[in-house]
């Protein structure tokens, strides 16, 4: 049985500014195409970097605590119980930060479409992911700095000569 009241959390994230715990409730309940994650955020921490998806729409539900929504336009406080949608593309850029003195809890609901491209605005990185439904270990998920972009033909060899 899965419950957001007493969830089974993944190992915690312990990075400066990103101290949190995550329970993948959708996966625990048996979902393959719908992600529902409970995040518990430490004071001053975010669940994830400021980002947007090209393949997956997301939604946030504030369960408790003092949280703020950060977008490309700035930051605004969110009320307990508030529901916010993040559309696909740049208009859906988001980051959720605990601005209170105690823990905060949020639910993030997401389509789990693959492939997906994720743009991280602060670090100027891009994630490219193609992951089979229900998997955490199979498929492809790489992250690149946009500064490493190249043109299509760079390093491409001509086709091999036909066998004689």
C-alpha atoms as a PDB file:
ATOM      1  CA  UNK A   1       0.000   0.000   0.000  1.00  0.00           C
ATOM      2  CA  UNK A   2       1.221   3.502  -0.847  1.00  0.00           C
ATOM      3  CA  UNK A   3       0.312   6.576   1.198  1.00  0.00           C
ATOM      4  CA  UNK A   4       1.487  10.178   0.966  1.00  0.00           C
ATOM      5  CA  UNK A   5       0.944  10.380   4.743  1.00  0.00           C
ATOM      6  CA  UNK A   6       3.656   7.762   5.423  1.00  0.00           C
ATOM      7  CA  UNK A   7       5.609   7.538   2.145  1.00  0.00           C
ATOM      8  CA  UNK A   8       8.590   5.431   1.194  1.00  0.00           C
ATOM      9  CA  UNK A   9      11.269   8.003   0.349  1.00  0.00           C
ATOM     10  CA  UNK A  10      14.230   7.614  -2.013  1.00  0.00           C
ATOM     11  CA  UNK A  11      17.649   8.378  -0.499  1.00  0.00           C
ATOM     12  CA  UNK A  12      17.739  12.106   0.338  1.00  0.00           C
ATOM     13  CA  UNK A  13      19.387  14.739  -1.845  1.00  0.00           C
ATOM     14  CA  UNK A  14      22.074  16.482   0.199  1.00  0.00           C
ATOM     15  CA  UNK A  15      23.364  19.322  -2.013  1.00  0.00           C
ATOM     16  CA  UNK A  16      23.594  22.940  -0.961  1.00  0.00           C
ATOM     17  CA  UNK A  17      20.290  24.570  -1.896  1.00  0.00           C
ATOM     18  CA  UNK A  18      18.705  21.227  -2.826  1.00  0.00           C
ATOM     19  CA  UNK A  19      18.206  19.317   0.435  1.00  0.00           C
ATOM     20  CA  UNK A  20      15.082  17.240   0.000  1.00  0.00           C
ATOM     21  CA  UNK A  21      13.470  13.835   0.082  1.00  0.00           C
ATOM     22  CA  UNK A  22      11.352  12.368  -2.714  1.00  0.00           C
ATOM     23  CA  UNK A  23       8.758   9.615  -2.638  1.00  0.00           C
ATOM     24  CA  UNK A  24       7.806   8.378  -6.120  1.00  0.00           C
ATOM     25  CA  UNK A  25       4.173   7.676  -5.254  1.00  0.00           C
ATOM     26  CA  UNK A  26       3.084   7.024  -8.837  1.00  0.00           C
ATOM     27  CA  UNK A  27       5.727   4.338  -9.289  1.00  0.00           C
ATOM     28  CA  UNK A  28       4.988   2.873  -5.847  1.00  0.00           C
ATOM     29  CA  UNK A  29       1.285   2.645  -6.781  1.00  0.00           C
ATOM     30  CA  UNK A  30       2.105   0.916 -10.081  1.00  0.00           C
ATOM     31  CA  UNK A  31       1.845   3.824 -12.567  1.00  0.00           C
ATOM     32  CA  UNK A  32       3.894   3.550 -15.746  1.00  0.00           C
ATOM     33  CA  UNK A  33       2.752   6.679 -17.614  1.00  0.00           C
ATOM     34  CA  UNK A  34       1.902   9.049 -14.755  1.00  0.00           C
ATOM     35  CA  UNK A  35       4.401  10.432 -12.264  1.00  0.00           C
ATOM     36  CA  UNK A  36       3.312  11.605  -8.842  1.00  0.00           C
ATOM     37  CA  UNK A  37       6.129  12.592  -6.510  1.00  0.00           C
ATOM     38  CA  UNK A  38       5.948  13.855  -2.953  1.00  0.00           C
ATOM     39  CA  UNK A  39       8.838  16.176  -2.134  1.00  0.00           C
ATOM     40  CA  UNK A  40       9.772  17.173   1.401  1.00  0.00           C
ATOM     41  CA  UNK A  41      11.995  20.261   1.282  1.00  0.00           C
ATOM     42  CA  UNK A  42      14.334  21.543   3.955  1.00  0.00           C
ATOM     43  CA  UNK A  43      14.248  25.297   4.702  1.00  0.00           C
ATOM     44  CA  UNK A  44      15.953  27.326   1.968  1.00  0.00           C
ATOM     45  CA  UNK A  45      16.037  24.357  -0.412  1.00  0.00           C
ATOM     46  CA  UNK A  46      14.519  23.641  -3.798  1.00  0.00           C
ATOM     47  CA  UNK A  47      13.303  20.287  -5.081  1.00  0.00           C
ATOM     48  CA  UNK A  48      15.014  20.768  -8.465  1.00  0.00           C
ATOM     49  CA  UNK A  49      16.735  23.404 -10.612  1.00  0.00           C
ATOM     50  CA  UNK A  50      14.736  26.014 -12.555  1.00  0.00           C
ATOM     51  CA  UNK A  51      13.717  24.067 -15.664  1.00  0.00           C
ATOM     52  CA  UNK A  52      11.116  23.312 -18.315  1.00  0.00           C
ATOM     53  CA  UNK A  53      10.199  20.241 -20.357  1.00  0.00           C
ATOM     54  CA  UNK A  54       9.586  19.878 -24.083  1.00  0.00           C
ATOM     55  CA  UNK A  55       7.773  16.540 -23.667  1.00  0.00           C
ATOM     56  CA  UNK A  56       5.921  16.541 -20.347  1.00  0.00           C
ATOM     57  CA  UNK A  57       3.326  18.786 -18.762  1.00  0.00           C
ATOM     58  CA  UNK A  58       3.514  19.001 -14.964  1.00  0.00           C
ATOM     59  CA  UNK A  59       1.351  20.187 -12.075  1.00  0.00           C
ATOM     60  CA  UNK A  60       2.187  21.271  -8.518  1.00  0.00           C
ATOM     61  CA  UNK A  61       0.036  20.923  -5.403  1.00  0.00           C
ATOM     62  CA  UNK A  62       1.227  22.622  -2.196  1.00  0.00           C
ATOM     63  CA  UNK A  63       0.540  20.326   0.765  1.00  0.00           C
ATOM     64  CA  UNK A  64       2.158  22.341   3.547  1.00  0.00           C
ATOM     65  CA  UNK A  65       4.882  24.766   4.522  1.00  0.00           C
ATOM     66  CA  UNK A  66       5.973  28.123   3.160  1.00  0.00           C
ATOM     67  CA  UNK A  67       6.930  27.697  -0.473  1.00  0.00           C
ATOM     68  CA  UNK A  68       7.562  30.009  -3.402  1.00  0.00           C
ATOM     69  CA  UNK A  69       7.290  29.376  -7.115  1.00  0.00           C
ATOM     70  CA  UNK A  70      10.233  30.650  -9.126  1.00  0.00           C
ATOM     71  CA  UNK A  71       9.747  31.146 -12.876  1.00  0.00           C
ATOM     72  CA  UNK A  72      11.704  32.928 -15.606  1.00  0.00           C
ATOM     73  CA  UNK A  73       9.734  36.086 -14.661  1.00  0.00           C
ATOM     74  CA  UNK A  74      10.546  35.992 -10.939  1.00  0.00           C
ATOM     75  CA  UNK A  75       9.252  34.493  -7.706  1.00  0.00           C
ATOM     76  CA  UNK A  76       5.885  34.508  -5.931  1.00  0.00           C
ATOM     77  CA  UNK A  77       4.637  32.858  -2.737  1.00  0.00           C
ATOM     78  CA  UNK A  78       2.265  29.905  -2.976  1.00  0.00           C
ATOM     79  CA  UNK A  79      -0.546  29.154  -0.538  1.00  0.00           C
ATOM     80  CA  UNK A  80      -1.151  25.779   1.065  1.00  0.00           C
ATOM     81  CA  UNK A  81      -3.540  23.886  -1.211  1.00  0.00           C
ATOM     82  CA  UNK A  82      -2.638  25.942  -4.292  1.00  0.00           C
ATOM     83  CA  UNK A  83      -2.497  24.064  -7.594  1.00  0.00           C
ATOM     84  CA  UNK A  84      -0.292  25.324 -10.453  1.00  0.00           C
ATOM     85  CA  UNK A  85       0.074  23.889 -13.971  1.00  0.00           C
ATOM     86  CA  UNK A  86       3.361  23.933 -15.900  1.00  0.00           C
ATOM     87  CA  UNK A  87       2.744  23.639 -19.639  1.00  0.00           C
ATOM     88  CA  UNK A  88       5.236  22.131 -22.046  1.00  0.00           C
ATOM     89  CA  UNK A  89       7.882  24.569 -23.244  1.00  0.00           C
ATOM     90  CA  UNK A  90       9.478  27.737 -21.935  1.00  0.00           C
ATOM     91  CA  UNK A  91       6.198  29.075 -20.517  1.00  0.00           C
ATOM     92  CA  UNK A  92       6.251  26.145 -18.074  1.00  0.00           C
ATOM     93  CA  UNK A  93       9.632  26.971 -16.492  1.00  0.00           C
ATOM     94  CA  UNK A  94       9.498  26.387 -12.739  1.00  0.00           C
ATOM     95  CA  UNK A  95      11.334  25.794  -9.488  1.00  0.00           C
ATOM     96  CA  UNK A  96       9.772  25.389  -6.045  1.00  0.00           C
ATOM     97  CA  UNK A  97      11.702  26.709  -3.031  1.00  0.00           C
ATOM     98  CA  UNK A  98      10.966  26.310   0.684  1.00  0.00           C
ATOM     99  CA  UNK A  99      11.040  29.872   2.076  1.00  0.00           C
ATOM    100  CA  UNK A 100       9.903  28.874   5.569  1.00  0.00           C
ATOM    101  CA  UNK A 101      11.717  27.866   8.743  1.00  0.00           C
ATOM    102  CA  UNK A 102      10.392  24.292   8.809  1.00  0.00           C
ATOM    103  CA  UNK A 103       9.962  21.490   6.270  1.00  0.00           C
ATOM    104  CA  UNK A 104       7.586  21.956   3.331  1.00  0.00           C
ATOM    105  CA  UNK A 105       5.726  19.300   1.340  1.00  0.00           C
ATOM    106  CA  UNK A 106       4.625  19.473  -2.285  1.00  0.00           C
ATOM    107  CA  UNK A 107       3.202  17.024  -4.814  1.00  0.00           C
ATOM    108  CA  UNK A 108       4.378  17.126  -8.418  1.00  0.00           C
ATOM    109  CA  UNK A 109       2.246  15.336 -11.012  1.00  0.00           C
ATOM    110  CA  UNK A 110       3.809  14.698 -14.410  1.00  0.00           C
ATOM    111  CA  UNK A 111       3.193  12.951 -17.646  1.00  0.00           C
ATOM    112  CA  UNK A 112       5.984  10.412 -18.074  1.00  0.00           C
ATOM    113  CA  UNK A 113       6.366  10.719 -21.842  1.00  0.00           C
ATOM    114  CA  UNK A 114       9.597   9.631 -23.401  1.00  0.00           C
ATOM    115  CA  UNK A 115      11.618  10.963 -25.053  1.00  0.00           C
ATOM    116  CA  UNK A 116      11.828  14.287 -23.263  1.00  0.00           C
ATOM    117  CA  UNK A 117      14.162  17.262 -23.454  1.00  0.00           C
ATOM    118  CA  UNK A 118      14.624  19.360 -20.309  1.00  0.00           C
ATOM    119  CA  UNK A 119      16.209  22.820 -20.312  1.00  0.00           C
ATOM    120  CA  UNK A 120      17.813  24.064 -17.074  1.00  0.00           C
ATOM    121  CA  UNK A 121      17.876  27.855 -17.205  1.00  0.00           C
ATOM    122  CA  UNK A 122      20.387  28.797 -14.472  1.00  0.00           C
ATOM    123  CA  UNK A 123      23.146  26.370 -15.497  1.00  0.00           C
ATOM    124  CA  UNK A 124      22.330  26.477 -19.221  1.00  0.00           C
ATOM    125  CA  UNK A 125      22.191  22.681 -19.425  1.00  0.00           C
ATOM    126  CA  UNK A 126      20.004  20.364 -21.473  1.00  0.00           C
ATOM    127  CA  UNK A 127      18.879  16.856 -20.550  1.00  0.00           C
ATOM    128  CA  UNK A 128      18.043  14.388 -23.279  1.00  0.00           C
ATOM    129  CA  UNK A 129      16.126  11.358 -22.014  1.00  0.00           C
ATOM    130  CA  UNK A 130      14.508   8.310 -23.570  1.00  0.00           C
ATOM    131  CA  UNK A 131      13.476   5.989 -20.751  1.00  0.00           C
ATOM    132  CA  UNK A 132      11.131   2.976 -21.033  1.00  0.00           C
ATOM    133  CA  UNK A 133       7.924   3.196 -18.942  1.00  0.00           C
ATOM    134  CA  UNK A 134       8.451   2.165 -15.323  1.00  0.00           C
ATOM    135  CA  UNK A 135      12.266   2.104 -15.520  1.00  0.00           C
ATOM    136  CA  UNK A 136      14.853   3.961 -13.467  1.00  0.00           C
ATOM    137  CA  UNK A 137      17.879   2.113 -14.857  1.00  0.00           C
ATOM    138  CA  UNK A 138      17.234   1.464 -18.569  1.00  0.00           C
ATOM    139  CA  UNK A 139      17.273   3.778 -21.533  1.00  0.00           C
ATOM    140  CA  UNK A 140      19.168   6.988 -22.090  1.00  0.00           C
ATOM    141  CA  UNK A 141      19.516  10.104 -19.930  1.00  0.00           C
ATOM    142  CA  UNK A 142      22.426  12.460 -20.554  1.00  0.00           C
ATOM    143  CA  UNK A 143      22.934  16.061 -19.485  1.00  0.00           C
ATOM    144  CA  UNK A 144      24.995  18.571 -21.472  1.00  0.00           C
ATOM    145  CA  UNK A 145      26.033  22.190 -21.184  1.00  0.00           C
ATOM    146  CA  UNK A 146      24.571  24.200 -24.054  1.00  0.00           C
ATOM    147  CA  UNK A 147      28.018  25.768 -24.595  1.00  0.00           C
ATOM    148  CA  UNK A 148      29.146  22.371 -25.926  1.00  0.00           C
ATOM    149  CA  UNK A 149      26.710  22.517 -28.845  1.00  0.00           C
ATOM    150  CA  UNK A 150      28.185  21.779 -32.253  1.00  0.00           C
ATOM    151  CA  UNK A 151      26.968  21.718 -35.823  1.00  0.00           C
ATOM    152  CA  UNK A 152      25.439  18.567 -37.281  1.00  0.00           C
ATOM    153  CA  UNK A 153      28.339  17.477 -39.494  1.00  0.00           C
ATOM    154  CA  UNK A 154      31.155  18.084 -36.973  1.00  0.00           C
ATOM    155  CA  UNK A 155      33.050  14.799 -36.534  1.00  0.00           C
ATOM    156  CA  UNK A 156      30.827  12.791 -38.881  1.00  0.00           C
ATOM    157  CA  UNK A 157      32.883  10.469 -41.078  1.00  0.00           C
ATOM    158  CA  UNK A 158      31.814   9.605 -44.613  1.00  0.00           C
ATOM    159  CA  UNK A 159      30.146   6.222 -45.053  1.00  0.00           C
ATOM    160  CA  UNK A 160      32.529   3.277 -45.337  1.00  0.00           C
ATOM    161  CA  UNK A 161      33.606   2.171 -48.780  1.00  0.00           C
ATOM    162  CA  UNK A 162      31.725  -0.852 -50.166  1.00  0.00           C
ATOM    163  CA  UNK A 163      33.343  -4.221 -49.670  1.00  0.00           C
ATOM    164  CA  UNK A 164      35.382  -5.236 -52.695  1.00  0.00           C
END
